[in-house]
Amino acid sequence: MSPAQSRAARGLLGWSEADLAGKVGLDEAFVRDFEAGRGDPASGQIEALRSALMAAGTVFSNGDSPGVRLERRGAPDEGTRADALTTENDR
């Protein structure tokens, strides 16, 4: 994941640098420095950021045209509504 992809993914999710840092237990300054291209972060730390962004629904593309997009997700499973519960579906 490139710094630009990280910034774009955060933007798609509406997350701040602090939001992303908090999801993975890193300092906000780490996210800021990584996205600014400063320093030489460990690949494990970048992977932690990437994993958190992916878990929230972003999809990264690489190759000739690297980018990021939000994953299309269907409607969330609502389960069984309370008024539809029976002894048959309560197992």
PDB file of N, CA and C in Angstrom:
ATOM      1  N   MET A   1       0.844  -1.163   0.000  1.00  0.00           N
ATOM      2  CA  MET A   1       0.000   0.000   0.000  1.00  0.00           C
ATOM      3  C   MET A   1       0.895   1.233   0.000  1.00  0.00           C
ATOM      4  N   SER A   2       0.594   2.139  -0.893  1.00  0.00           N
ATOM      5  CA  SER A   2       1.366   3.375  -0.975  1.00  0.00           C
ATOM      6  C   SER A   2       0.778   4.416  -0.017  1.00  0.00           C
ATOM      7  N   PRO A   3       1.561   5.447   0.290  1.00  0.00           N
ATOM      8  CA  PRO A   3       1.018   6.526   1.112  1.00  0.00           C
ATOM      9  C   PRO A   3      -0.230   7.162   0.496  1.00  0.00           C
ATOM     10  N   ALA A   4      -0.230   7.343  -0.816  1.00  0.00           N
ATOM     11  CA  ALA A   4      -1.393   7.945  -1.486  1.00  0.00           C
ATOM     12  C   ALA A   4      -2.618   7.045  -1.358  1.00  0.00           C
ATOM     13  N   GLN A   5      -2.435   5.740  -1.455  1.00  0.00           N
ATOM     14  CA  GLN A   5      -3.557   4.814  -1.301  1.00  0.00           C
ATOM     15  C   GLN A   5      -4.111   4.870   0.115  1.00  0.00           C
ATOM     16  N   SER A   6      -3.234   5.005   1.096  1.00  0.00           N
ATOM     17  CA  SER A   6      -3.685   5.108   2.484  1.00  0.00           C
ATOM     18  C   SER A   6      -4.526   6.362   2.676  1.00  0.00           C
ATOM     19  N   ARG A   7      -4.053   7.489   2.162  1.00  0.00           N
ATOM     20  CA  ARG A   7      -4.820   8.738   2.277  1.00  0.00           C
ATOM     21  C   ARG A   7      -6.173   8.613   1.586  1.00  0.00           C
ATOM     22  N   ALA A   8      -6.171   8.016   0.390  1.00  0.00           N
ATOM     23  CA  ALA A   8      -7.421   7.868  -0.362  1.00  0.00           C
ATOM     24  C   ALA A   8      -8.398   6.955   0.372  1.00  0.00           C
ATOM     25  N   ALA A   9      -7.907   5.861   0.909  1.00  0.00           N
ATOM     26  CA  ALA A   9      -8.768   4.921   1.628  1.00  0.00           C
ATOM     27  C   ALA A   9      -9.384   5.595   2.851  1.00  0.00           C
ATOM     28  N   ARG A  10      -8.584   6.348   3.585  1.00  0.00           N
ATOM     29  CA  ARG A  10      -9.116   7.071   4.739  1.00  0.00           C
ATOM     30  C   ARG A  10     -10.194   8.044   4.306  1.00  0.00           C
ATOM     31  N   GLY A  11      -9.948   8.722   3.181  1.00  0.00           N
ATOM     32  CA  GLY A  11     -10.925   9.674   2.670  1.00  0.00           C
ATOM     33  C   GLY A  11     -12.237   9.004   2.306  1.00  0.00           C
ATOM     34  N   LEU A  12     -12.157   7.836   1.665  1.00  0.00           N
ATOM     35  CA  LEU A  12     -13.372   7.113   1.301  1.00  0.00           C
ATOM     36  C   LEU A  12     -14.167   6.689   2.534  1.00  0.00           C
ATOM     37  N   LEU A  13     -13.463   6.359   3.592  1.00  0.00           N
ATOM     38  CA  LEU A  13     -14.114   5.905   4.822  1.00  0.00           C
ATOM     39  C   LEU A  13     -14.500   7.059   5.743  1.00  0.00           C
ATOM     40  N   GLY A  14     -13.982   8.238   5.465  1.00  0.00           N
ATOM     41  CA  GLY A  14     -14.252   9.373   6.342  1.00  0.00           C
ATOM     42  C   GLY A  14     -13.470   9.300   7.646  1.00  0.00           C
ATOM     43  N   TRP A  15     -12.318   8.645   7.621  1.00  0.00           N
ATOM     44  CA  TRP A  15     -11.489   8.482   8.806  1.00  0.00           C
ATOM     45  C   TRP A  15     -10.402   9.540   8.855  1.00  0.00           C
ATOM     46  N   SER A  16     -10.073   9.997  10.038  1.00  0.00           N
ATOM     47  CA  SER A  16      -8.933  10.883  10.247  1.00  0.00           C
ATOM     48  C   SER A  16      -7.675  10.026  10.442  1.00  0.00           C
ATOM     49  N   GLU A  17      -6.539  10.687  10.489  1.00  0.00           N
ATOM     50  CA  GLU A  17      -5.294   9.973  10.801  1.00  0.00           C
ATOM     51  C   GLU A  17      -5.403   9.326  12.173  1.00  0.00           C
ATOM     52  N   ALA A  18      -6.018  10.040  13.113  1.00  0.00           N
ATOM     53  CA  ALA A  18      -6.182   9.514  14.473  1.00  0.00           C
ATOM     54  C   ALA A  18      -7.100   8.297  14.483  1.00  0.00           C
ATOM     55  N   ASP A  19      -8.146   8.315  13.657  1.00  0.00           N
ATOM     56  CA  ASP A  19      -9.055   7.164  13.581  1.00  0.00           C
ATOM     57  C   ASP A  19      -8.303   5.915  13.143  1.00  0.00           C
ATOM     58  N   LEU A  20      -7.534   6.042  12.064  1.00  0.00           N
ATOM     59  CA  LEU A  20      -6.790   4.889  11.558  1.00  0.00           C
ATOM     60  C   LEU A  20      -5.755   4.421  12.573  1.00  0.00           C
ATOM     61  N   ALA A  21      -5.022   5.364  13.147  1.00  0.00           N
ATOM     62  CA  ALA A  21      -4.007   4.996  14.134  1.00  0.00           C
ATOM     63  C   ALA A  21      -4.635   4.258  15.308  1.00  0.00           C
ATOM     64  N   GLY A  22      -5.777   4.719  15.753  1.00  0.00           N
ATOM     65  CA  GLY A  22      -6.464   4.085  16.876  1.00  0.00           C
ATOM     66  C   GLY A  22      -6.917   2.680  16.576  1.00  0.00           C
ATOM     67  N   LYS A  23      -7.273   2.403  15.322  1.00  0.00           N
ATOM     68  CA  LYS A  23      -7.734   1.059  14.944  1.00  0.00           C
ATOM     69  C   LYS A  23      -6.629   0.024  15.069  1.00  0.00           C
ATOM     70  N   VAL A  24      -5.384   0.456  14.883  1.00  0.00           N
ATOM     71  CA  VAL A  24      -4.276  -0.504  14.896  1.00  0.00           C
ATOM     72  C   VAL A  24      -3.320  -0.325  16.072  1.00  0.00           C
ATOM     73  N   GLY A  25      -3.623   0.639  16.943  1.00  0.00           N
ATOM     74  CA  GLY A  25      -2.786   0.832  18.121  1.00  0.00           C
ATOM     75  C   GLY A  25      -1.449   1.495  17.835  1.00  0.00           C
ATOM     76  N   LEU A  26      -1.402   2.316  16.782  1.00  0.00           N
ATOM     77  CA  LEU A  26      -0.186   3.060  16.479  1.00  0.00           C
ATOM     78  C   LEU A  26      -0.421   4.529  16.776  1.00  0.00           C
ATOM     79  N   ASP A  27       0.645   5.276  16.820  1.00  0.00           N
ATOM     80  CA  ASP A  27       0.560   6.700  17.081  1.00  0.00           C
ATOM     81  C   ASP A  27       0.092   7.441  15.828  1.00  0.00           C
ATOM     82  N   GLU A  28      -0.695   8.485  16.043  1.00  0.00           N
ATOM     83  CA  GLU A  28      -1.186   9.296  14.921  1.00  0.00           C
ATOM     84  C   GLU A  28      -0.032   9.849  14.086  1.00  0.00           C
ATOM     85  N   ALA A  29       1.074  10.180  14.731  1.00  0.00           N
ATOM     86  CA  ALA A  29       2.247  10.704  14.024  1.00  0.00           C
ATOM     87  C   ALA A  29       2.799   9.676  13.041  1.00  0.00           C
ATOM     88  N   PHE A  30       2.693   8.398  13.377  1.00  0.00           N
ATOM     89  CA  PHE A  30       3.156   7.361  12.455  1.00  0.00           C
ATOM     90  C   PHE A  30       2.360   7.414  11.153  1.00  0.00           C
ATOM     91  N   VAL A  31       1.027   7.498  11.273  1.00  0.00           N
ATOM     92  CA  VAL A  31       0.173   7.558  10.084  1.00  0.00           C
ATOM     93  C   VAL A  31       0.503   8.822   9.285  1.00  0.00           C
ATOM     94  N   ARG A  32       0.630   9.948   9.962  1.00  0.00           N
ATOM     95  CA  ARG A  32       0.932  11.214   9.296  1.00  0.00           C
ATOM     96  C   ARG A  32       2.254  11.123   8.546  1.00  0.00           C
ATOM     97  N   ASP A  33       3.287  10.578   9.211  1.00  0.00           N
ATOM     98  CA  ASP A  33       4.601  10.464   8.571  1.00  0.00           C
ATOM     99  C   ASP A  33       4.578   9.486   7.400  1.00  0.00           C
ATOM    100  N   PHE A  34       3.921   8.358   7.570  1.00  0.00           N
ATOM    101  CA  PHE A  34       3.832   7.386   6.483  1.00  0.00           C
ATOM    102  C   PHE A  34       3.159   7.997   5.258  1.00  0.00           C
ATOM    103  N   GLU A  35       2.017   8.660   5.484  1.00  0.00           N
ATOM    104  CA  GLU A  35       1.270   9.220   4.367  1.00  0.00           C
ATOM    105  C   GLU A  35       1.978  10.411   3.728  1.00  0.00           C
ATOM    106  N   ALA A  36       2.898  11.035   4.446  1.00  0.00           N
ATOM    107  CA  ALA A  36       3.697  12.130   3.895  1.00  0.00           C
ATOM    108  C   ALA A  36       4.967  11.612   3.223  1.00  0.00           C
ATOM    109  N   GLY A  37       5.200  10.302   3.319  1.00  0.00           N
ATOM    110  CA  GLY A  37       6.383   9.714   2.700  1.00  0.00           C
ATOM    111  C   GLY A  37       7.649   9.893   3.506  1.00  0.00           C
ATOM    112  N   ARG A  38       7.506  10.180   4.790  1.00  0.00           N
ATOM    113  CA  ARG A  38       8.675  10.362   5.658  1.00  0.00           C
ATOM    114  C   ARG A  38       8.990   9.062   6.388  1.00  0.00           C
ATOM    115  N   GLY A  39      10.265   8.827   6.564  1.00  0.00           N
ATOM    116  CA  GLY A  39      10.711   7.675   7.341  1.00  0.00           C
ATOM    117  C   GLY A  39      10.724   6.393   6.530  1.00  0.00           C
ATOM    118  N   ASP A  40      11.063   5.315   7.218  1.00  0.00           N
ATOM    119  CA  ASP A  40      11.133   3.987   6.607  1.00  0.00           C
ATOM    120  C   ASP A  40      10.377   3.016   7.514  1.00  0.00           C
ATOM    121  N   PRO A  41       9.029   3.039   7.444  1.00  0.00           N
ATOM    122  CA  PRO A  41       8.244   2.208   8.366  1.00  0.00           C
ATOM    123  C   PRO A  41       8.409   0.714   8.077  1.00  0.00           C
ATOM    124  N   ALA A  42       8.280  -0.060   9.124  1.00  0.00           N
ATOM    125  CA  ALA A  42       8.346  -1.521   8.987  1.00  0.00           C
ATOM    126  C   ALA A  42       7.148  -2.014   8.186  1.00  0.00           C
ATOM    127  N   SER A  43       7.377  -3.029   7.375  1.00  0.00           N
ATOM    128  CA  SER A  43       6.292  -3.553   6.530  1.00  0.00           C
ATOM    129  C   SER A  43       5.128  -4.070   7.367  1.00  0.00           C
ATOM    130  N   GLY A  44       5.402  -4.568   8.568  1.00  0.00           N
ATOM    131  CA  GLY A  44       4.332  -5.053   9.439  1.00  0.00           C
ATOM    132  C   GLY A  44       3.403  -3.941   9.882  1.00  0.00           C
ATOM    133  N   GLN A  45       3.951  -2.756  10.095  1.00  0.00           N
ATOM    134  CA  GLN A  45       3.120  -1.621  10.489  1.00  0.00           C
ATOM    135  C   GLN A  45       2.248  -1.164   9.326  1.00  0.00           C
ATOM    136  N   ILE A  46       2.806  -1.145   8.134  1.00  0.00           N
ATOM    137  CA  ILE A  46       2.020  -0.773   6.949  1.00  0.00           C
ATOM    138  C   ILE A  46       0.930  -1.813   6.714  1.00  0.00           C
ATOM    139  N   GLU A  47       1.259  -3.062   6.899  1.00  0.00           N
ATOM    140  CA  GLU A  47       0.262  -4.126   6.717  1.00  0.00           C
ATOM    141  C   GLU A  47      -0.858  -4.005   7.741  1.00  0.00           C
ATOM    142  N   ALA A  48      -0.531  -3.584   8.947  1.00  0.00           N
ATOM    143  CA  ALA A  48      -1.563  -3.384   9.971  1.00  0.00           C
ATOM    144  C   ALA A  48      -2.525  -2.281   9.540  1.00  0.00           C
ATOM    145  N   LEU A  49      -1.986  -1.183   8.998  1.00  0.00           N
ATOM    146  CA  LEU A  49      -2.840  -0.113   8.487  1.00  0.00           C
ATOM    147  C   LEU A  49      -3.715  -0.629   7.343  1.00  0.00           C
ATOM    148  N   ARG A  50      -3.085  -1.323   6.418  1.00  0.00           N
ATOM    149  CA  ARG A  50      -3.801  -1.856   5.252  1.00  0.00           C
ATOM    150  C   ARG A  50      -4.908  -2.817   5.671  1.00  0.00           C
ATOM    151  N   SER A  51      -4.632  -3.674   6.619  1.00  0.00           N
ATOM    152  CA  SER A  51      -5.624  -4.643   7.092  1.00  0.00           C
ATOM    153  C   SER A  51      -6.822  -3.944   7.719  1.00  0.00           C
ATOM    154  N   ALA A  52      -6.566  -2.903   8.496  1.00  0.00           N
ATOM    155  CA  ALA A  52      -7.667  -2.159   9.127  1.00  0.00           C
ATOM    156  C   ALA A  52      -8.532  -1.482   8.074  1.00  0.00           C
ATOM    157  N   LEU A  53      -7.895  -0.915   7.067  1.00  0.00           N
ATOM    158  CA  LEU A  53      -8.642  -0.259   5.990  1.00  0.00           C
ATOM    159  C   LEU A  53      -9.453  -1.277   5.180  1.00  0.00           C
ATOM    160  N   MET A  54      -8.867  -2.430   4.926  1.00  0.00           N
ATOM    161  CA  MET A  54      -9.567  -3.474   4.179  1.00  0.00           C
ATOM    162  C   MET A  54     -10.736  -4.038   4.982  1.00  0.00           C
ATOM    163  N   ALA A  55     -10.557  -4.195   6.275  1.00  0.00           N
ATOM    164  CA  ALA A  55     -11.634  -4.711   7.119  1.00  0.00           C
ATOM    165  C   ALA A  55     -12.835  -3.777   7.113  1.00  0.00           C
ATOM    166  N   ALA A  56     -12.575  -2.497   6.878  1.00  0.00           N
ATOM    167  CA  ALA A  56     -13.654  -1.509   6.831  1.00  0.00           C
ATOM    168  C   ALA A  56     -14.301  -1.406   5.455  1.00  0.00           C
ATOM    169  N   GLY A  57     -13.751  -2.163   4.477  1.00  0.00           N
ATOM    170  CA  GLY A  57     -14.404  -2.215   3.167  1.00  0.00           C
ATOM    171  C   GLY A  57     -13.654  -1.620   2.008  1.00  0.00           C
ATOM    172  N   THR A  58     -12.403  -1.215   2.193  1.00  0.00           N
ATOM    173  CA  THR A  58     -11.652  -0.708   1.052  1.00  0.00           C
ATOM    174  C   THR A  58     -10.965  -1.853   0.321  1.00  0.00           C
ATOM    175  N   VAL A  59     -10.805  -1.675  -0.975  1.00  0.00           N
ATOM    176  CA  VAL A  59     -10.131  -2.657  -1.832  1.00  0.00           C
ATOM    177  C   VAL A  59      -8.996  -1.927  -2.540  1.00  0.00           C
ATOM    178  N   PHE A  60      -7.802  -2.471  -2.454  1.00  0.00           N
ATOM    179  CA  PHE A  60      -6.632  -1.872  -3.080  1.00  0.00           C
ATOM    180  C   PHE A  60      -6.331  -2.566  -4.390  1.00  0.00           C
ATOM    181  N   SER A  61      -5.964  -1.769  -5.395  1.00  0.00           N
ATOM    182  CA  SER A  61      -5.528  -2.335  -6.672  1.00  0.00           C
ATOM    183  C   SER A  61      -4.096  -1.883  -6.920  1.00  0.00           C
ATOM    184  N   ASN A  62      -3.330  -2.727  -7.553  1.00  0.00           N
ATOM    185  CA  ASN A  62      -1.932  -2.426  -7.870  1.00  0.00           C
ATOM    186  C   ASN A  62      -1.724  -2.610  -9.360  1.00  0.00           C
ATOM    187  N   GLY A  63      -0.503  -2.692  -9.773  1.00  0.00           N
ATOM    188  CA  GLY A  63      -0.224  -2.894 -11.188  1.00  0.00           C
ATOM    189  C   GLY A  63      -0.071  -1.572 -11.916  1.00  0.00           C
ATOM    190  N   ASP A  64      -0.562  -1.517 -13.161  1.00  0.00           N
ATOM    191  CA  ASP A  64      -0.396  -0.325 -13.991  1.00  0.00           C
ATOM    192  C   ASP A  64      -1.132   0.884 -13.445  1.00  0.00           C
ATOM    193  N   SER A  65      -2.242   0.641 -12.753  1.00  0.00           N
ATOM    194  CA  SER A  65      -3.060   1.749 -12.257  1.00  0.00           C
ATOM    195  C   SER A  65      -3.430   1.513 -10.798  1.00  0.00           C
ATOM    196  N   PRO A  66      -2.473   1.751  -9.880  1.00  0.00           N
ATOM    197  CA  PRO A  66      -2.782   1.520  -8.467  1.00  0.00           C
ATOM    198  C   PRO A  66      -3.861   2.476  -7.980  1.00  0.00           C
ATOM    199  N   GLY A  67      -4.711   1.982  -7.116  1.00  0.00           N
ATOM    200  CA  GLY A  67      -5.785   2.799  -6.588  1.00  0.00           C
ATOM    201  C   GLY A  67      -6.463   2.141  -5.417  1.00  0.00           C
ATOM    202  N   VAL A  68      -7.601   2.693  -5.044  1.00  0.00           N
ATOM    203  CA  VAL A  68      -8.386   2.170  -3.927  1.00  0.00           C
ATOM    204  C   VAL A  68      -9.847   2.499  -4.199  1.00  0.00           C
ATOM    205  N   ARG A  69     -10.716   1.614  -3.774  1.00  0.00           N
ATOM    206  CA  ARG A  69     -12.154   1.824  -3.927  1.00  0.00           C
ATOM    207  C   ARG A  69     -12.853   1.165  -2.751  1.00  0.00           C
ATOM    208  N   LEU A  70     -14.129   1.494  -2.586  1.00  0.00           N
ATOM    209  CA  LEU A  70     -14.926   0.832  -1.561  1.00  0.00           C
ATOM    210  C   LEU A  70     -15.533  -0.427  -2.145  1.00  0.00           C
ATOM    211  N   GLU A  71     -15.539  -1.469  -1.357  1.00  0.00           N
ATOM    212  CA  GLU A  71     -16.121  -2.742  -1.760  1.00  0.00           C
ATOM    213  C   GLU A  71     -17.639  -2.618  -1.772  1.00  0.00           C
ATOM    214  N   ARG A  72     -18.236  -3.172  -2.776  1.00  0.00           N
ATOM    215  CA  ARG A  72     -19.701  -3.212  -2.802  1.00  0.00           C
ATOM    216  C   ARG A  72     -20.156  -4.296  -1.853  1.00  0.00           C
ATOM    217  N   ARG A  73     -20.977  -3.896  -0.952  1.00  0.00           N
ATOM    218  CA  ARG A  73     -21.494  -4.856   0.034  1.00  0.00           C
ATOM    219  C   ARG A  73     -22.997  -4.870  -0.069  1.00  0.00           C
ATOM    220  N   GLY A  74     -23.551  -6.046   0.034  1.00  0.00           N
ATOM    221  CA  GLY A  74     -25.002  -6.177   0.013  1.00  0.00           C
ATOM    222  C   GLY A  74     -25.594  -5.668   1.308  1.00  0.00           C
ATOM    223  N   ALA A  75     -26.866  -5.702   1.354  1.00  0.00           N
ATOM    224  CA  ALA A  75     -27.549  -5.287   2.576  1.00  0.00           C
ATOM    225  C   ALA A  75     -27.110  -6.190   3.724  1.00  0.00           C
ATOM    226  N   PRO A  76     -26.927  -5.635   4.883  1.00  0.00           N
ATOM    227  CA  PRO A  76     -26.523  -6.464   6.016  1.00  0.00           C
ATOM    228  C   PRO A  76     -27.604  -7.482   6.362  1.00  0.00           C
ATOM    229  N   ASP A  77     -27.150  -8.648   6.812  1.00  0.00           N
ATOM    230  CA  ASP A  77     -28.080  -9.693   7.222  1.00  0.00           C
ATOM    231  C   ASP A  77     -28.785  -9.241   8.489  1.00  0.00           C
ATOM    232  N   GLU A  78     -30.075  -9.129   8.409  1.00  0.00           N
ATOM    233  CA  GLU A  78     -30.845  -8.657   9.562  1.00  0.00           C
ATOM    234  C   GLU A  78     -31.206  -9.785  10.514  1.00  0.00           C
ATOM    235  N   GLY A  79     -30.938 -11.008  10.129  1.00  0.00           N
ATOM    236  CA  GLY A  79     -31.308 -12.130  10.979  1.00  0.00           C
ATOM    237  C   GLY A  79     -32.801 -12.360  10.939  1.00  0.00           C
ATOM    238  N   THR A  80     -33.324 -12.946  11.966  1.00  0.00           N
ATOM    239  CA  THR A  80     -34.763 -13.207  12.055  1.00  0.00           C
ATOM    240  C   THR A  80     -35.397 -12.147  12.930  1.00  0.00           C
ATOM    241  N   ARG A  81     -36.412 -11.518  12.398  1.00  0.00           N
ATOM    242  CA  ARG A  81     -37.104 -10.471  13.159  1.00  0.00           C
ATOM    243  C   ARG A  81     -37.839 -11.099  14.339  1.00  0.00           C
ATOM    244  N   ALA A  82     -37.973 -10.346  15.402  1.00  0.00           N
ATOM    245  CA  ALA A  82     -38.589 -10.849  16.632  1.00  0.00           C
ATOM    246  C   ALA A  82     -40.002 -11.369  16.389  1.00  0.00           C
ATOM    247  N   ASP A  83     -40.775 -10.691  15.531  1.00  0.00           N
ATOM    248  CA  ASP A  83     -42.146 -11.137  15.300  1.00  0.00           C
ATOM    249  C   ASP A  83     -42.224 -12.378  14.416  1.00  0.00           C
ATOM    250  N   ALA A  84     -41.067 -12.803  13.851  1.00  0.00           N
ATOM    251  CA  ALA A  84     -41.043 -14.000  13.015  1.00  0.00           C
ATOM    252  C   ALA A  84     -40.418 -15.196  13.739  1.00  0.00           C
ATOM    253  N   LEU A  85     -40.027 -15.022  14.987  1.00  0.00           N
ATOM    254  CA  LEU A  85     -39.413 -16.119  15.730  1.00  0.00           C
ATOM    255  C   LEU A  85     -40.434 -17.193  16.044  1.00  0.00           C
ATOM    256  N   THR A  86     -40.025 -18.422  15.844  1.00  0.00           N
ATOM    257  CA  THR A  86     -40.836 -19.579  16.187  1.00  0.00           C
ATOM    258  C   THR A  86     -39.922 -20.591  16.863  1.00  0.00           C
ATOM    259  N   THR A  87     -40.515 -21.649  17.359  1.00  0.00           N
ATOM    260  CA  THR A  87     -39.677 -22.707  17.950  1.00  0.00           C
ATOM    261  C   THR A  87     -38.850 -23.387  16.872  1.00  0.00           C
ATOM    262  N   GLU A  88     -39.255 -23.323  15.637  1.00  0.00           N
ATOM    263  CA  GLU A  88     -38.499 -23.956  14.547  1.00  0.00           C
ATOM    264  C   GLU A  88     -37.227 -23.182  14.176  1.00  0.00           C
ATOM    265  N   ASN A  89     -37.289 -21.862  14.159  1.00  0.00           N
ATOM    266  CA  ASN A  89     -36.100 -21.110  13.777  1.00  0.00           C
ATOM    267  C   ASN A  89     -35.313 -20.615  14.983  1.00  0.00           C
ATOM    268  N   ASP A  90     -35.648 -21.074  16.139  1.00  0.00           N
ATOM    269  CA  ASP A  90     -34.964 -20.684  17.369  1.00  0.00           C
ATOM    270  C   ASP A  90     -33.921 -21.721  17.752  1.00  0.00           C
ATOM    271  N   ARG A  91     -33.387 -22.413  16.805  1.00  0.00           N
ATOM    272  CA  ARG A  91     -32.393 -23.464  17.080  1.00  0.00           C
ATOM    273  C   ARG A  91     -31.038 -23.072  16.596  1.00  0.00           C
TER     274      ARG A  91
END
